[in-house]
Amino acid sequence: MIDRISSFFSRFIEPGATRGGATGELALRIATAALLFEIMRMDRHFADSERTAVATALRDQFGIDPAQIDELMELAEDEARQASGYFQFTSLINRHCDAAQKNWIIEQMWRVAMADGHLDAHESHLMRKIADLLHVGHADYVAAKQRAREASGLATGGG
């Protein structure tokens, strides 16, 4: 795993990165991708629409190309499967992201959860847990959910 992350870093991040910030940026990308992957796999059903939602979020936020997104998603998937919890991802995000960025992550997680046309109880539970770990307030959490719901066309339901 370390070799794959190092290889990804060397090929895609390091050449155009400034010294010192690149490692943190890669870790932040992996942490964000891992959380998006976690919500995608929470209902044990991998819809293409969910994978597309993850790729779109990563492309829009980090400006990386499709080949890099595929590799980043593989790395994130491996990291998420090996992780013993979410703290390693959320603590990194808490150190490097402001409130607006955390709200964006929560909204993107909602978009992934809703991309397949339904919202599973396990997905809702994970969303609340991650929002709490990221210190996202209830009003921001509900607003992010509503924006995602509107974007997905999913019928309005409880908060």
C-alpha atoms as a PDB file:
ATOM      1  CA  MET A   1       0.000   0.000   0.000  1.00  0.00           C
ATOM      2  CA  ILE A   2       2.735   2.490   0.917  1.00  0.00           C
ATOM      3  CA  ASP A   3       4.448   1.784  -2.418  1.00  0.00           C
ATOM      4  CA  ARG A   4       1.234   2.526  -4.325  1.00  0.00           C
ATOM      5  CA  ILE A   5       0.699   5.808  -2.479  1.00  0.00           C
ATOM      6  CA  SER A   6       4.329   6.775  -2.977  1.00  0.00           C
ATOM      7  CA  SER A   7       4.115   5.932  -6.673  1.00  0.00           C
ATOM      8  CA  PHE A   8       0.934   7.978  -7.063  1.00  0.00           C
ATOM      9  CA  PHE A   9       2.567  10.874  -5.246  1.00  0.00           C
ATOM     10  CA  SER A  10       5.693  10.732  -7.427  1.00  0.00           C
ATOM     11  CA  ARG A  11       3.816  10.556 -10.709  1.00  0.00           C
ATOM     12  CA  PHE A  12       0.951  12.977 -10.181  1.00  0.00           C
ATOM     13  CA  ILE A  13       1.487  15.225  -7.194  1.00  0.00           C
ATOM     14  CA  GLU A  14       5.198  15.833  -6.709  1.00  0.00           C
ATOM     15  CA  PRO A  15       6.168  17.302 -10.123  1.00  0.00           C
ATOM     16  CA  GLY A  16       3.957  20.400  -9.790  1.00  0.00           C
ATOM     17  CA  ALA A  17       3.759  20.638  -6.022  1.00  0.00           C
ATOM     18  CA  THR A  18       5.409  23.015  -3.666  1.00  0.00           C
ATOM     19  CA  ARG A  19       7.669  21.523  -1.056  1.00  0.00           C
ATOM     20  CA  GLY A  20       5.973  20.490   2.171  1.00  0.00           C
ATOM     21  CA  GLY A  21       2.346  21.026   1.141  1.00  0.00           C
ATOM     22  CA  ALA A  22       2.208  18.188  -1.373  1.00  0.00           C
ATOM     23  CA  THR A  23       2.192  15.352   1.142  1.00  0.00           C
ATOM     24  CA  GLY A  24      -0.637  16.980   3.083  1.00  0.00           C
ATOM     25  CA  GLU A  25      -2.587  17.609  -0.108  1.00  0.00           C
ATOM     26  CA  LEU A  26      -2.245  13.983  -1.214  1.00  0.00           C
ATOM     27  CA  ALA A  27      -3.303  12.763   2.220  1.00  0.00           C
ATOM     28  CA  LEU A  28      -6.285  15.127   2.126  1.00  0.00           C
ATOM     29  CA  ARG A  29      -7.276  13.831  -1.314  1.00  0.00           C
ATOM     30  CA  ILE A  30      -7.030  10.239  -0.134  1.00  0.00           C
ATOM     31  CA  ALA A  31      -8.979  11.011   3.049  1.00  0.00           C
ATOM     32  CA  THR A  32     -11.729  12.757   1.090  1.00  0.00           C
ATOM     33  CA  ALA A  33     -11.857   9.987  -1.504  1.00  0.00           C
ATOM     34  CA  ALA A  34     -11.919   7.345   1.250  1.00  0.00           C
ATOM     35  CA  LEU A  35     -14.946   8.956   2.902  1.00  0.00           C
ATOM     36  CA  LEU A  36     -16.714   9.214  -0.454  1.00  0.00           C
ATOM     37  CA  PHE A  37     -15.889   5.569  -1.107  1.00  0.00           C
ATOM     38  CA  GLU A  38     -17.184   4.580   2.338  1.00  0.00           C
ATOM     39  CA  ILE A  39     -20.571   6.148   1.700  1.00  0.00           C
ATOM     40  CA  MET A  40     -20.656   4.472  -1.713  1.00  0.00           C
ATOM     41  CA  ARG A  41     -20.135   1.023  -0.219  1.00  0.00           C
ATOM     42  CA  MET A  42     -22.330   1.543   2.845  1.00  0.00           C
ATOM     43  CA  ASP A  43     -25.434   0.018   1.239  1.00  0.00           C
ATOM     44  CA  ARG A  44     -23.366  -2.871  -0.186  1.00  0.00           C
ATOM     45  CA  HIS A  45     -24.550  -1.978  -3.684  1.00  0.00           C
ATOM     46  CA  PHE A  46     -22.074  -0.321  -6.043  1.00  0.00           C
ATOM     47  CA  ALA A  47     -24.090   1.641  -8.578  1.00  0.00           C
ATOM     48  CA  ASP A  48     -22.314   3.228 -11.533  1.00  0.00           C
ATOM     49  CA  SER A  49     -24.096   6.460 -10.643  1.00  0.00           C
ATOM     50  CA  GLU A  50     -22.407   6.444  -7.225  1.00  0.00           C
ATOM     51  CA  ARG A  51     -18.962   5.844  -8.726  1.00  0.00           C
ATOM     52  CA  THR A  52     -19.625   8.674 -11.184  1.00  0.00           C
ATOM     53  CA  ALA A  53     -20.653  10.962  -8.310  1.00  0.00           C
ATOM     54  CA  VAL A  54     -17.376  10.175  -6.501  1.00  0.00           C
ATOM     55  CA  ALA A  55     -15.323  10.822  -9.638  1.00  0.00           C
ATOM     56  CA  THR A  56     -17.147  14.087 -10.325  1.00  0.00           C
ATOM     57  CA  ALA A  57     -16.617  15.328  -6.770  1.00  0.00           C
ATOM     58  CA  LEU A  58     -12.895  14.514  -6.890  1.00  0.00           C
ATOM     59  CA  ARG A  59     -12.463  16.094 -10.314  1.00  0.00           C
ATOM     60  CA  ASP A  60     -14.341  19.249  -9.337  1.00  0.00           C
ATOM     61  CA  GLN A  61     -12.601  19.704  -5.984  1.00  0.00           C
ATOM     62  CA  PHE A  62      -9.054  18.706  -6.871  1.00  0.00           C
ATOM     63  CA  GLY A  63      -8.907  19.328 -10.625  1.00  0.00           C
ATOM     64  CA  ILE A  64      -7.374  15.964 -11.437  1.00  0.00           C
ATOM     65  CA  ASP A  65      -7.816  14.015 -14.650  1.00  0.00           C
ATOM     66  CA  PRO A  66      -9.786  10.763 -15.048  1.00  0.00           C
ATOM     67  CA  ALA A  67      -6.729   8.463 -14.938  1.00  0.00           C
ATOM     68  CA  GLN A  68      -5.618  10.055 -11.677  1.00  0.00           C
ATOM     69  CA  ILE A  69      -9.151   9.815 -10.298  1.00  0.00           C
ATOM     70  CA  ASP A  70      -9.287   6.079 -11.021  1.00  0.00           C
ATOM     71  CA  GLU A  71      -6.003   5.520  -9.228  1.00  0.00           C
ATOM     72  CA  LEU A  72      -6.961   7.811  -6.351  1.00  0.00           C
ATOM     73  CA  MET A  73     -10.229   5.915  -5.954  1.00  0.00           C
ATOM     74  CA  GLU A  74      -8.328   2.610  -5.854  1.00  0.00           C
ATOM     75  CA  LEU A  75      -5.991   3.999  -3.192  1.00  0.00           C
ATOM     76  CA  ALA A  76      -8.914   5.358  -1.208  1.00  0.00           C
ATOM     77  CA  GLU A  77     -10.724   2.044  -1.468  1.00  0.00           C
ATOM     78  CA  ASP A  78      -7.677   0.192  -0.141  1.00  0.00           C
ATOM     79  CA  GLU A  79      -7.204   2.728   2.664  1.00  0.00           C
ATOM     80  CA  ALA A  80     -10.868   2.579   3.645  1.00  0.00           C
ATOM     81  CA  ARG A  81     -10.862  -1.214   3.748  1.00  0.00           C
ATOM     82  CA  GLN A  82      -7.731  -1.295   5.903  1.00  0.00           C
ATOM     83  CA  ALA A  83      -8.820   1.479   8.251  1.00  0.00           C
ATOM     84  CA  SER A  84     -10.087   0.557  11.685  1.00  0.00           C
ATOM     85  CA  GLY A  85     -12.400   3.566  11.736  1.00  0.00           C
ATOM     86  CA  TYR A  86     -12.968   6.987  10.288  1.00  0.00           C
ATOM     87  CA  PHE A  87     -10.868   9.035  12.685  1.00  0.00           C
ATOM     88  CA  GLN A  88      -7.689   8.819  10.586  1.00  0.00           C
ATOM     89  CA  PHE A  89      -9.569  10.426   7.696  1.00  0.00           C
ATOM     90  CA  THR A  90     -11.640  12.945   9.625  1.00  0.00           C
ATOM     91  CA  SER A  91      -8.755  14.118  11.796  1.00  0.00           C
ATOM     92  CA  LEU A  92      -6.713  14.875   8.683  1.00  0.00           C
ATOM     93  CA  ILE A  93      -9.625  16.776   7.178  1.00  0.00           C
ATOM     94  CA  ASN A  94     -10.163  18.651  10.448  1.00  0.00           C
ATOM     95  CA  ARG A  95      -6.516  19.754  10.455  1.00  0.00           C
ATOM     96  CA  HIS A  96      -6.457  20.926   6.843  1.00  0.00           C
ATOM     97  CA  CYS A  97      -9.977  22.086   5.978  1.00  0.00           C
ATOM     98  CA  ASP A  98     -12.100  25.017   6.993  1.00  0.00           C
ATOM     99  CA  ALA A  99     -15.837  24.841   7.707  1.00  0.00           C
ATOM    100  CA  ALA A 100     -16.817  25.509   4.083  1.00  0.00           C
ATOM    101  CA  GLN A 101     -14.603  22.675   2.833  1.00  0.00           C
ATOM    102  CA  LYS A 102     -16.013  20.279   5.433  1.00  0.00           C
ATOM    103  CA  ASN A 103     -19.540  21.266   4.412  1.00  0.00           C
ATOM    104  CA  TRP A 104     -18.566  20.563   0.787  1.00  0.00           C
ATOM    105  CA  ILE A 105     -17.334  17.082   1.763  1.00  0.00           C
ATOM    106  CA  ILE A 106     -20.595  16.358   3.590  1.00  0.00           C
ATOM    107  CA  GLU A 107     -22.627  17.559   0.611  1.00  0.00           C
ATOM    108  CA  GLN A 108     -20.597  15.385  -1.759  1.00  0.00           C
ATOM    109  CA  MET A 109     -21.074  12.389   0.522  1.00  0.00           C
ATOM    110  CA  TRP A 110     -24.831  13.027   0.437  1.00  0.00           C
ATOM    111  CA  ARG A 111     -24.687  13.265  -3.368  1.00  0.00           C
ATOM    112  CA  VAL A 112     -22.926   9.910  -3.555  1.00  0.00           C
ATOM    113  CA  ALA A 113     -25.413   8.356  -1.117  1.00  0.00           C
ATOM    114  CA  MET A 114     -28.349   9.615  -3.185  1.00  0.00           C
ATOM    115  CA  ALA A 115     -26.838   8.963  -6.621  1.00  0.00           C
ATOM    116  CA  ASP A 116     -28.473   5.547  -6.922  1.00  0.00           C
ATOM    117  CA  GLY A 117     -31.945   6.997  -6.340  1.00  0.00           C
ATOM    118  CA  HIS A 118     -32.487   5.945  -2.746  1.00  0.00           C
ATOM    119  CA  LEU A 119     -31.094   6.647   0.686  1.00  0.00           C
ATOM    120  CA  ASP A 120     -30.276   3.634   2.827  1.00  0.00           C
ATOM    121  CA  ALA A 121     -30.545   3.788   6.648  1.00  0.00           C
ATOM    122  CA  HIS A 122     -26.874   2.760   6.914  1.00  0.00           C
ATOM    123  CA  GLU A 123     -25.890   5.648   4.652  1.00  0.00           C
ATOM    124  CA  SER A 124     -27.862   8.099   6.815  1.00  0.00           C
ATOM    125  CA  HIS A 125     -26.213   6.740   9.947  1.00  0.00           C
ATOM    126  CA  LEU A 126     -22.717   7.072   8.470  1.00  0.00           C
ATOM    127  CA  MET A 127     -23.480  10.602   7.284  1.00  0.00           C
ATOM    128  CA  ARG A 128     -24.447  11.707  10.797  1.00  0.00           C
ATOM    129  CA  LYS A 129     -21.353  10.041  12.246  1.00  0.00           C
ATOM    130  CA  ILE A 130     -18.962  11.672   9.749  1.00  0.00           C
ATOM    131  CA  ALA A 131     -20.639  15.072  10.119  1.00  0.00           C
ATOM    132  CA  ASP A 132     -20.137  14.826  13.886  1.00  0.00           C
ATOM    133  CA  LEU A 133     -16.491  13.814  13.479  1.00  0.00           C
ATOM    134  CA  LEU A 134     -15.944  16.762  11.114  1.00  0.00           C
ATOM    135  CA  HIS A 135     -17.692  19.116  13.557  1.00  0.00           C
ATOM    136  CA  VAL A 136     -20.300  20.079  10.969  1.00  0.00           C
ATOM    137  CA  GLY A 137     -23.238  21.724  12.723  1.00  0.00           C
ATOM    138  CA  HIS A 138     -26.770  20.430  12.339  1.00  0.00           C
ATOM    139  CA  ALA A 139     -27.954  23.381  10.223  1.00  0.00           C
ATOM    140  CA  ASP A 140     -25.040  22.935   7.795  1.00  0.00           C
ATOM    141  CA  TYR A 141     -25.601  19.169   7.759  1.00  0.00           C
ATOM    142  CA  VAL A 142     -29.280  19.580   6.857  1.00  0.00           C
ATOM    143  CA  ALA A 143     -28.508  22.287   4.258  1.00  0.00           C
ATOM    144  CA  ALA A 144     -25.902  20.036   2.601  1.00  0.00           C
ATOM    145  CA  LYS A 145     -28.400  17.173   2.558  1.00  0.00           C
ATOM    146  CA  GLN A 146     -31.055  19.404   1.003  1.00  0.00           C
ATOM    147  CA  ARG A 147     -28.689  20.682  -1.712  1.00  0.00           C
ATOM    148  CA  ALA A 148     -27.713  17.098  -2.524  1.00  0.00           C
ATOM    149  CA  ARG A 149     -31.356  16.009  -2.517  1.00  0.00           C
ATOM    150  CA  GLU A 150     -32.257  18.808  -4.948  1.00  0.00           C
ATOM    151  CA  ALA A 151     -29.303  17.957  -7.189  1.00  0.00           C
ATOM    152  CA  SER A 152     -30.222  14.264  -7.230  1.00  0.00           C
ATOM    153  CA  GLY A 153     -33.959  14.767  -7.701  1.00  0.00           C
ATOM    154  CA  LEU A 154     -34.628  12.467  -4.741  1.00  0.00           C
ATOM    155  CA  ALA A 155     -37.995  13.124  -3.074  1.00  0.00           C
ATOM    156  CA  THR A 156     -37.895  15.314   0.028  1.00  0.00           C
ATOM    157  CA  GLY A 157     -37.873  13.428   3.312  1.00  0.00           C
ATOM    158  CA  GLY A 158     -36.849  13.806   6.950  1.00  0.00           C
ATOM    159  CA  GLY A 159     -33.689  15.656   8.124  1.00  0.00           C
END
